[in-house]
């Protein structure tokens, strides 16, 4: 109630309506992601930082979630906005290093099942096996990720329903979310080996390699990969639109429709 009366919240050098804080956090996070992905994505494929960067940014995201317990009052709502920005950026950048493990896992699976190709026909079989293994591992990861999310959301709805959305419940719920993310990440990191990537040339740096690879990809999208270009543009529109509608709908449901938290979830 105190927050609903405080219509404007200071965020960095601006003052914005409290209902727009989530959108502001998302915009700042996306800008940070564009710069980080453009300049440092090669760290996932070159050198020996893959696992350490994955762990560091995953733990940073979990820590940002935990710190929300210090921002429950209206005068500290700016802190929650900055923490949303930090956690969104950290988990997104961590996904770059997470995704870089897919080719490694596929190679291990294919080599254990097919072995090294010795002829043109066997190379075709190996390529087909690589594509099938990539699809299988990727789909399995998505399925188990969604299963874990659904389980957690159902538990959260039951928890918030039983406690009628008390502030103490939100604090405990925030800590539980952070511990859930931390526990899942720790369990996954225990199973991953710190496999070194390709060696980076002495005259190159991570920034130069990242920018060069990005320009090469953009050139390929412009000249050859028409369907991929259409898909990426459509995905950007869909993803950003869904995120914007979801954030606005949450605020509308809570303020205008007075829906309880477990119903909104």
C-alpha atoms as a PDB file:
ATOM      1  CA  UNK A   1       0.000   0.000   0.000  1.00  0.00           C
ATOM      2  CA  UNK A   2       2.854   2.363   0.830  1.00  0.00           C
ATOM      3  CA  UNK A   3       4.351   1.647  -2.595  1.00  0.00           C
ATOM      4  CA  UNK A   4       1.072   2.268  -4.423  1.00  0.00           C
ATOM      5  CA  UNK A   5       0.937   5.766  -2.903  1.00  0.00           C
ATOM      6  CA  UNK A   6       4.529   6.528  -3.937  1.00  0.00           C
ATOM      7  CA  UNK A   7       3.805   7.076  -7.614  1.00  0.00           C
ATOM      8  CA  UNK A   8       7.349   7.988  -8.689  1.00  0.00           C
ATOM      9  CA  UNK A   9      10.556   6.172  -7.814  1.00  0.00           C
ATOM     10  CA  UNK A  10      14.141   7.491  -8.308  1.00  0.00           C
ATOM     11  CA  UNK A  11      16.118   5.190 -10.642  1.00  0.00           C
ATOM     12  CA  UNK A  12      19.700   6.276 -11.260  1.00  0.00           C
ATOM     13  CA  UNK A  13      19.322   9.829 -12.675  1.00  0.00           C
ATOM     14  CA  UNK A  14      15.586   9.561 -13.479  1.00  0.00           C
ATOM     15  CA  UNK A  15      12.313   9.380 -11.649  1.00  0.00           C
ATOM     16  CA  UNK A  16       9.830   6.892 -13.092  1.00  0.00           C
ATOM     17  CA  UNK A  17       6.398   5.630 -12.157  1.00  0.00           C
ATOM     18  CA  UNK A  18       6.682   2.564  -9.946  1.00  0.00           C
ATOM     19  CA  UNK A  19       4.698   0.498 -12.453  1.00  0.00           C
ATOM     20  CA  UNK A  20       7.381   1.150 -15.103  1.00  0.00           C
ATOM     21  CA  UNK A  21      10.326   0.113 -12.919  1.00  0.00           C
ATOM     22  CA  UNK A  22      10.350  -3.443 -14.250  1.00  0.00           C
ATOM     23  CA  UNK A  23      10.345  -2.247 -17.863  1.00  0.00           C
ATOM     24  CA  UNK A  24      13.159   0.208 -17.095  1.00  0.00           C
ATOM     25  CA  UNK A  25      15.162  -2.606 -15.495  1.00  0.00           C
ATOM     26  CA  UNK A  26      14.610  -4.810 -18.554  1.00  0.00           C
ATOM     27  CA  UNK A  27      15.680  -2.057 -20.961  1.00  0.00           C
ATOM     28  CA  UNK A  28      18.900  -1.349 -19.051  1.00  0.00           C
ATOM     29  CA  UNK A  29      19.612  -5.080 -18.810  1.00  0.00           C
ATOM     30  CA  UNK A  30      19.121  -5.592 -22.558  1.00  0.00           C
ATOM     31  CA  UNK A  31      21.486  -2.696 -23.360  1.00  0.00           C
ATOM     32  CA  UNK A  32      24.104  -4.217 -21.045  1.00  0.00           C
ATOM     33  CA  UNK A  33      23.599  -7.612 -22.678  1.00  0.00           C
ATOM     34  CA  UNK A  34      24.102  -6.177 -26.170  1.00  0.00           C
ATOM     35  CA  UNK A  35      27.469  -4.710 -25.182  1.00  0.00           C
ATOM     36  CA  UNK A  36      28.569  -7.794 -23.217  1.00  0.00           C
ATOM     37  CA  UNK A  37      27.526 -10.292 -25.900  1.00  0.00           C
ATOM     38  CA  UNK A  38      29.124  -8.200 -28.637  1.00  0.00           C
ATOM     39  CA  UNK A  39      32.444  -7.640 -26.884  1.00  0.00           C
ATOM     40  CA  UNK A  40      33.002 -10.710 -24.698  1.00  0.00           C
ATOM     41  CA  UNK A  41      31.048 -13.686 -26.086  1.00  0.00           C
ATOM     42  CA  UNK A  42      34.264 -15.259 -27.417  1.00  0.00           C
ATOM     43  CA  UNK A  43      35.298 -15.963 -23.817  1.00  0.00           C
ATOM     44  CA  UNK A  44      32.914 -18.939 -23.991  1.00  0.00           C
ATOM     45  CA  UNK A  45      34.830 -20.561 -26.867  1.00  0.00           C
ATOM     46  CA  UNK A  46      38.435 -19.446 -26.341  1.00  0.00           C
ATOM     47  CA  UNK A  47      40.694 -19.834 -23.334  1.00  0.00           C
ATOM     48  CA  UNK A  48      39.920 -21.620 -20.080  1.00  0.00           C
ATOM     49  CA  UNK A  49      37.348 -19.270 -18.531  1.00  0.00           C
ATOM     50  CA  UNK A  50      34.174 -21.093 -19.643  1.00  0.00           C
ATOM     51  CA  UNK A  51      33.265 -22.811 -16.367  1.00  0.00           C
ATOM     52  CA  UNK A  52      34.534 -20.031 -14.117  1.00  0.00           C
ATOM     53  CA  UNK A  53      32.524 -17.374 -15.947  1.00  0.00           C
ATOM     54  CA  UNK A  54      29.428 -19.592 -15.918  1.00  0.00           C
ATOM     55  CA  UNK A  55      29.759 -20.068 -12.170  1.00  0.00           C
ATOM     56  CA  UNK A  56      30.584 -16.430 -11.421  1.00  0.00           C
ATOM     57  CA  UNK A  57      27.626 -14.902 -13.282  1.00  0.00           C
ATOM     58  CA  UNK A  58      25.206 -17.575 -12.075  1.00  0.00           C
ATOM     59  CA  UNK A  59      26.184 -16.909  -8.466  1.00  0.00           C
ATOM     60  CA  UNK A  60      25.974 -13.140  -9.110  1.00  0.00           C
ATOM     61  CA  UNK A  61      22.404 -13.591 -10.371  1.00  0.00           C
ATOM     62  CA  UNK A  62      21.463 -15.662  -7.320  1.00  0.00           C
ATOM     63  CA  UNK A  63      23.056 -13.099  -4.980  1.00  0.00           C
ATOM     64  CA  UNK A  64      21.075 -10.296  -6.665  1.00  0.00           C
ATOM     65  CA  UNK A  65      17.875 -12.260  -6.062  1.00  0.00           C
ATOM     66  CA  UNK A  66      18.738 -12.741  -2.389  1.00  0.00           C
ATOM     67  CA  UNK A  67      19.410  -9.018  -1.862  1.00  0.00           C
ATOM     68  CA  UNK A  68      15.767  -8.255  -2.699  1.00  0.00           C
ATOM     69  CA  UNK A  69      15.003  -8.847   0.988  1.00  0.00           C
ATOM     70  CA  UNK A  70      16.506  -5.392   1.676  1.00  0.00           C
ATOM     71  CA  UNK A  71      14.198  -3.595  -0.758  1.00  0.00           C
ATOM     72  CA  UNK A  72      10.674  -4.317   0.460  1.00  0.00           C
ATOM     73  CA  UNK A  73       9.847  -0.740   1.538  1.00  0.00           C
ATOM     74  CA  UNK A  74       8.737   1.967  -0.897  1.00  0.00           C
ATOM     75  CA  UNK A  75      11.785   4.186  -0.302  1.00  0.00           C
ATOM     76  CA  UNK A  76      14.061   1.303  -1.366  1.00  0.00           C
ATOM     77  CA  UNK A  77      12.135   0.253  -4.437  1.00  0.00           C
ATOM     78  CA  UNK A  78      14.959   1.694  -6.561  1.00  0.00           C
ATOM     79  CA  UNK A  79      17.190  -1.009  -5.061  1.00  0.00           C
ATOM     80  CA  UNK A  80      14.873  -3.753  -6.289  1.00  0.00           C
ATOM     81  CA  UNK A  81      14.917  -2.228  -9.770  1.00  0.00           C
ATOM     82  CA  UNK A  82      18.725  -2.261  -9.864  1.00  0.00           C
ATOM     83  CA  UNK A  83      18.786  -5.824  -8.525  1.00  0.00           C
ATOM     84  CA  UNK A  84      16.349  -6.965 -11.225  1.00  0.00           C
ATOM     85  CA  UNK A  85      18.683  -5.384 -13.768  1.00  0.00           C
ATOM     86  CA  UNK A  86      21.703  -7.119 -12.252  1.00  0.00           C
ATOM     87  CA  UNK A  87      20.093 -10.563 -11.976  1.00  0.00           C
ATOM     88  CA  UNK A  88      18.623 -10.394 -15.489  1.00  0.00           C
ATOM     89  CA  UNK A  89      21.989  -9.428 -16.974  1.00  0.00           C
ATOM     90  CA  UNK A  90      23.947 -11.967 -14.920  1.00  0.00           C
ATOM     91  CA  UNK A  91      21.732 -14.950 -15.781  1.00  0.00           C
ATOM     92  CA  UNK A  92      21.580 -13.930 -19.461  1.00  0.00           C
ATOM     93  CA  UNK A  93      25.364 -13.579 -19.739  1.00  0.00           C
ATOM     94  CA  UNK A  94      25.815 -16.875 -17.883  1.00  0.00           C
ATOM     95  CA  UNK A  95      23.653 -18.534 -20.543  1.00  0.00           C
ATOM     96  CA  UNK A  96      26.337 -17.710 -23.143  1.00  0.00           C
ATOM     97  CA  UNK A  97      28.792 -19.946 -21.293  1.00  0.00           C
ATOM     98  CA  UNK A  98      26.102 -22.517 -20.559  1.00  0.00           C
ATOM     99  CA  UNK A  99      25.221 -22.817 -24.253  1.00  0.00           C
ATOM    100  CA  UNK A 100      28.889 -23.197 -25.176  1.00  0.00           C
ATOM    101  CA  UNK A 101      28.863 -26.611 -23.480  1.00  0.00           C
ATOM    102  CA  UNK A 102      26.337 -28.030 -25.968  1.00  0.00           C
ATOM    103  CA  UNK A 103      28.857 -28.720 -28.783  1.00  0.00           C
ATOM    104  CA  UNK A 104      31.203 -30.349 -26.281  1.00  0.00           C
ATOM    105  CA  UNK A 105      28.491 -32.652 -24.931  1.00  0.00           C
ATOM    106  CA  UNK A 106      27.390 -33.532 -28.462  1.00  0.00           C
ATOM    107  CA  UNK A 107      30.952 -34.352 -29.537  1.00  0.00           C
ATOM    108  CA  UNK A 108      31.390 -36.716 -26.588  1.00  0.00           C
ATOM    109  CA  UNK A 109      28.095 -38.469 -27.328  1.00  0.00           C
ATOM    110  CA  UNK A 110      28.764 -38.815 -31.078  1.00  0.00           C
ATOM    111  CA  UNK A 111      32.327 -40.045 -30.667  1.00  0.00           C
ATOM    112  CA  UNK A 112      31.223 -42.635 -28.126  1.00  0.00           C
ATOM    113  CA  UNK A 113      28.456 -43.925 -30.433  1.00  0.00           C
ATOM    114  CA  UNK A 114      29.869 -43.428 -33.949  1.00  0.00           C
ATOM    115  CA  UNK A 115      33.592 -42.998 -33.524  1.00  0.00           C
ATOM    116  CA  UNK A 116      35.873 -41.115 -35.898  1.00  0.00           C
ATOM    117  CA  UNK A 117      34.611 -40.987 -39.534  1.00  0.00           C
ATOM    118  CA  UNK A 118      36.929 -42.776 -41.987  1.00  0.00           C
ATOM    119  CA  UNK A 119      35.109 -42.253 -45.295  1.00  0.00           C
ATOM    120  CA  UNK A 120      32.707 -39.865 -47.004  1.00  0.00           C
ATOM    121  CA  UNK A 121      29.729 -42.050 -46.133  1.00  0.00           C
ATOM    122  CA  UNK A 122      30.795 -42.347 -42.512  1.00  0.00           C
ATOM    123  CA  UNK A 123      31.301 -38.573 -42.387  1.00  0.00           C
ATOM    124  CA  UNK A 124      27.709 -38.121 -43.554  1.00  0.00           C
ATOM    125  CA  UNK A 125      26.571 -40.540 -40.849  1.00  0.00           C
ATOM    126  CA  UNK A 126      28.651 -38.666 -38.310  1.00  0.00           C
ATOM    127  CA  UNK A 127      27.117 -35.325 -39.367  1.00  0.00           C
ATOM    128  CA  UNK A 128      23.617 -36.767 -39.121  1.00  0.00           C
ATOM    129  CA  UNK A 129      24.434 -38.282 -35.716  1.00  0.00           C
ATOM    130  CA  UNK A 130      25.812 -34.916 -34.547  1.00  0.00           C
ATOM    131  CA  UNK A 131      22.619 -33.101 -35.566  1.00  0.00           C
ATOM    132  CA  UNK A 132      20.410 -35.705 -33.908  1.00  0.00           C
ATOM    133  CA  UNK A 133      22.467 -35.684 -30.704  1.00  0.00           C
ATOM    134  CA  UNK A 134      22.423 -31.876 -30.626  1.00  0.00           C
ATOM    135  CA  UNK A 135      18.628 -31.807 -30.973  1.00  0.00           C
ATOM    136  CA  UNK A 136      18.199 -34.534 -28.346  1.00  0.00           C
ATOM    137  CA  UNK A 137      20.451 -32.946 -25.714  1.00  0.00           C
ATOM    138  CA  UNK A 138      19.054 -29.460 -26.322  1.00  0.00           C
ATOM    139  CA  UNK A 139      15.441 -30.672 -26.131  1.00  0.00           C
ATOM    140  CA  UNK A 140      16.151 -32.666 -22.984  1.00  0.00           C
ATOM    141  CA  UNK A 141      17.657 -29.608 -21.314  1.00  0.00           C
ATOM    142  CA  UNK A 142      14.642 -27.465 -22.238  1.00  0.00           C
ATOM    143  CA  UNK A 143      12.181 -30.085 -20.999  1.00  0.00           C
ATOM    144  CA  UNK A 144      13.844 -30.514 -17.616  1.00  0.00           C
ATOM    145  CA  UNK A 145      14.245 -26.757 -17.291  1.00  0.00           C
ATOM    146  CA  UNK A 146      10.515 -26.205 -17.828  1.00  0.00           C
ATOM    147  CA  UNK A 147       9.662 -29.071 -15.473  1.00  0.00           C
ATOM    148  CA  UNK A 148      11.738 -27.483 -12.705  1.00  0.00           C
ATOM    149  CA  UNK A 149      10.108 -24.096 -13.325  1.00  0.00           C
ATOM    150  CA  UNK A 150       6.581 -25.521 -13.252  1.00  0.00           C
ATOM    151  CA  UNK A 151       7.273 -27.424 -10.027  1.00  0.00           C
ATOM    152  CA  UNK A 152       8.616 -24.286  -8.373  1.00  0.00           C
ATOM    153  CA  UNK A 153       5.718 -22.108  -9.570  1.00  0.00           C
ATOM    154  CA  UNK A 154       3.159 -24.606  -8.250  1.00  0.00           C
ATOM    155  CA  UNK A 155       4.909 -24.749  -4.876  1.00  0.00           C
ATOM    156  CA  UNK A 156       5.080 -20.939  -4.807  1.00  0.00           C
ATOM    157  CA  UNK A 157       1.353 -20.595  -5.578  1.00  0.00           C
ATOM    158  CA  UNK A 158       0.466 -23.009  -2.781  1.00  0.00           C
ATOM    159  CA  UNK A 159       2.805 -21.213  -0.386  1.00  0.00           C
ATOM    160  CA  UNK A 160       1.420 -17.742  -1.148  1.00  0.00           C
ATOM    161  CA  UNK A 161      -2.170 -19.016  -0.972  1.00  0.00           C
ATOM    162  CA  UNK A 162      -1.690 -20.581   2.458  1.00  0.00           C
ATOM    163  CA  UNK A 163      -0.001 -17.503   3.913  1.00  0.00           C
ATOM    164  CA  UNK A 164      -2.330 -14.918   2.295  1.00  0.00           C
ATOM    165  CA  UNK A 165       0.614 -12.952   0.851  1.00  0.00           C
ATOM    166  CA  UNK A 166       2.068 -11.589   4.126  1.00  0.00           C
ATOM    167  CA  UNK A 167       5.275  -9.517   3.840  1.00  0.00           C
ATOM    168  CA  UNK A 168       7.159 -12.097   5.896  1.00  0.00           C
ATOM    169  CA  UNK A 169       6.132 -14.661   3.306  1.00  0.00           C
ATOM    170  CA  UNK A 170       7.552 -12.534   0.487  1.00  0.00           C
ATOM    171  CA  UNK A 171      10.867 -12.261   2.319  1.00  0.00           C
ATOM    172  CA  UNK A 172      11.028 -16.001   2.883  1.00  0.00           C
ATOM    173  CA  UNK A 173       9.900 -16.587  -0.686  1.00  0.00           C
ATOM    174  CA  UNK A 174      12.665 -14.328  -2.049  1.00  0.00           C
ATOM    175  CA  UNK A 175      15.302 -16.207  -0.077  1.00  0.00           C
ATOM    176  CA  UNK A 176      13.871 -19.523  -1.282  1.00  0.00           C
ATOM    177  CA  UNK A 177      14.013 -18.370  -4.919  1.00  0.00           C
ATOM    178  CA  UNK A 178      17.666 -17.424  -4.524  1.00  0.00           C
ATOM    179  CA  UNK A 179      18.495 -20.724  -2.828  1.00  0.00           C
ATOM    180  CA  UNK A 180      16.625 -22.660  -5.522  1.00  0.00           C
ATOM    181  CA  UNK A 181      18.626 -20.949  -8.285  1.00  0.00           C
ATOM    182  CA  UNK A 182      21.854 -21.386  -6.329  1.00  0.00           C
ATOM    183  CA  UNK A 183      21.184 -25.068  -5.593  1.00  0.00           C
ATOM    184  CA  UNK A 184      20.274 -25.907  -9.194  1.00  0.00           C
ATOM    185  CA  UNK A 185      23.348 -24.105 -10.474  1.00  0.00           C
ATOM    186  CA  UNK A 186      25.657 -25.788  -7.970  1.00  0.00           C
ATOM    187  CA  UNK A 187      24.296 -29.246  -8.843  1.00  0.00           C
ATOM    188  CA  UNK A 188      24.862 -28.582 -12.554  1.00  0.00           C
ATOM    189  CA  UNK A 189      28.344 -27.136 -12.059  1.00  0.00           C
ATOM    190  CA  UNK A 190      29.393 -30.227 -10.124  1.00  0.00           C
ATOM    191  CA  UNK A 191      28.721 -32.297 -13.259  1.00  0.00           C
ATOM    192  CA  UNK A 192      30.567 -29.983 -15.650  1.00  0.00           C
ATOM    193  CA  UNK A 193      34.265 -30.226 -16.304  1.00  0.00           C
ATOM    194  CA  UNK A 194      36.335 -27.113 -16.851  1.00  0.00           C
ATOM    195  CA  UNK A 195      37.127 -27.934 -20.489  1.00  0.00           C
ATOM    196  CA  UNK A 196      39.443 -25.381 -22.102  1.00  0.00           C
ATOM    197  CA  UNK A 197      38.357 -23.805 -25.363  1.00  0.00           C
ATOM    198  CA  UNK A 198      40.388 -23.075 -28.458  1.00  0.00           C
ATOM    199  CA  UNK A 199      43.642 -21.224 -27.963  1.00  0.00           C
ATOM    200  CA  UNK A 200      43.437 -17.505 -28.585  1.00  0.00           C
ATOM    201  CA  UNK A 201      46.081 -16.065 -30.910  1.00  0.00           C
ATOM    202  CA  UNK A 202      48.583 -13.797 -29.189  1.00  0.00           C
ATOM    203  CA  UNK A 203      47.767 -10.837 -31.438  1.00  0.00           C
ATOM    204  CA  UNK A 204      44.020 -11.219 -30.808  1.00  0.00           C
ATOM    205  CA  UNK A 205      41.973 -10.382 -27.769  1.00  0.00           C
ATOM    206  CA  UNK A 206      38.509 -11.440 -26.657  1.00  0.00           C
ATOM    207  CA  UNK A 207      36.971  -8.164 -27.845  1.00  0.00           C
ATOM    208  CA  UNK A 208      38.538  -8.305 -31.316  1.00  0.00           C
ATOM    209  CA  UNK A 209      37.541 -11.940 -31.838  1.00  0.00           C
ATOM    210  CA  UNK A 210      33.989 -11.346 -30.561  1.00  0.00           C
ATOM    211  CA  UNK A 211      33.418  -8.363 -32.848  1.00  0.00           C
ATOM    212  CA  UNK A 212      34.938 -10.143 -35.860  1.00  0.00           C
ATOM    213  CA  UNK A 213      32.748 -13.214 -35.367  1.00  0.00           C
ATOM    214  CA  UNK A 214      29.651 -11.051 -34.903  1.00  0.00           C
ATOM    215  CA  UNK A 215      30.321  -9.169 -38.151  1.00  0.00           C
ATOM    216  CA  UNK A 216      30.865 -12.473 -39.963  1.00  0.00           C
ATOM    217  CA  UNK A 217      27.556 -13.815 -38.650  1.00  0.00           C
ATOM    218  CA  UNK A 218      25.682 -10.643 -39.612  1.00  0.00           C
ATOM    219  CA  UNK A 219      27.166 -10.835 -43.122  1.00  0.00           C
ATOM    220  CA  UNK A 220      26.031 -14.449 -43.448  1.00  0.00           C
ATOM    221  CA  UNK A 221      22.546 -13.520 -42.246  1.00  0.00           C
ATOM    222  CA  UNK A 222      22.343 -10.730 -44.801  1.00  0.00           C
ATOM    223  CA  UNK A 223      23.561 -12.787 -47.759  1.00  0.00           C
ATOM    224  CA  UNK A 224      22.706 -16.442 -47.233  1.00  0.00           C
ATOM    225  CA  UNK A 225      20.596 -17.223 -44.172  1.00  0.00           C
ATOM    226  CA  UNK A 226      17.291 -15.635 -45.125  1.00  0.00           C
ATOM    227  CA  UNK A 227      15.107 -17.973 -43.078  1.00  0.00           C
ATOM    228  CA  UNK A 228      17.352 -17.560 -40.055  1.00  0.00           C
ATOM    229  CA  UNK A 229      17.141 -13.771 -40.402  1.00  0.00           C
ATOM    230  CA  UNK A 230      13.345 -13.897 -40.507  1.00  0.00           C
ATOM    231  CA  UNK A 231      13.272 -16.220 -37.492  1.00  0.00           C
ATOM    232  CA  UNK A 232      15.578 -14.011 -35.406  1.00  0.00           C
ATOM    233  CA  UNK A 233      13.601 -10.855 -36.174  1.00  0.00           C
ATOM    234  CA  UNK A 234      10.338 -12.626 -35.357  1.00  0.00           C
ATOM    235  CA  UNK A 235      11.791 -14.014 -32.141  1.00  0.00           C
ATOM    236  CA  UNK A 236      12.949 -10.560 -31.020  1.00  0.00           C
ATOM    237  CA  UNK A 237       9.472  -9.128 -31.569  1.00  0.00           C
ATOM    238  CA  UNK A 238       7.775 -12.064 -29.844  1.00  0.00           C
ATOM    239  CA  UNK A 239      10.193 -12.300 -26.903  1.00  0.00           C
ATOM    240  CA  UNK A 240      10.288  -8.584 -26.096  1.00  0.00           C
ATOM    241  CA  UNK A 241       6.536  -8.252 -26.656  1.00  0.00           C
ATOM    242  CA  UNK A 242       5.730 -11.168 -24.354  1.00  0.00           C
ATOM    243  CA  UNK A 243       8.073  -9.855 -21.656  1.00  0.00           C
ATOM    244  CA  UNK A 244       6.572  -6.354 -21.849  1.00  0.00           C
ATOM    245  CA  UNK A 245       2.981  -7.611 -21.767  1.00  0.00           C
ATOM    246  CA  UNK A 246       3.784  -9.982 -18.897  1.00  0.00           C
ATOM    247  CA  UNK A 247       5.356  -7.253 -16.776  1.00  0.00           C
ATOM    248  CA  UNK A 248       2.543  -4.775 -17.460  1.00  0.00           C
ATOM    249  CA  UNK A 249      -0.137  -7.412 -16.896  1.00  0.00           C
ATOM    250  CA  UNK A 250       1.303  -8.243 -13.479  1.00  0.00           C
ATOM    251  CA  UNK A 251       1.073  -4.630 -12.347  1.00  0.00           C
ATOM    252  CA  UNK A 252      -2.421  -4.220 -13.811  1.00  0.00           C
ATOM    253  CA  UNK A 253      -3.651  -7.398 -12.120  1.00  0.00           C
ATOM    254  CA  UNK A 254      -2.252  -6.374  -8.736  1.00  0.00           C
ATOM    255  CA  UNK A 255      -3.335  -2.692  -8.753  1.00  0.00           C
ATOM    256  CA  UNK A 256      -6.472  -2.504 -10.880  1.00  0.00           C
ATOM    257  CA  UNK A 257      -7.966  -5.973 -10.378  1.00  0.00           C
ATOM    258  CA  UNK A 258      -6.644  -6.518  -6.828  1.00  0.00           C
ATOM    259  CA  UNK A 259      -5.668 -10.093  -7.622  1.00  0.00           C
ATOM    260  CA  UNK A 260      -3.783 -11.982  -4.907  1.00  0.00           C
ATOM    261  CA  UNK A 261      -0.198 -13.026  -5.651  1.00  0.00           C
ATOM    262  CA  UNK A 262      -0.917 -16.744  -6.033  1.00  0.00           C
ATOM    263  CA  UNK A 263      -3.551 -15.997  -8.730  1.00  0.00           C
ATOM    264  CA  UNK A 264      -1.162 -13.711 -10.641  1.00  0.00           C
ATOM    265  CA  UNK A 265       1.508 -16.394 -10.609  1.00  0.00           C
END
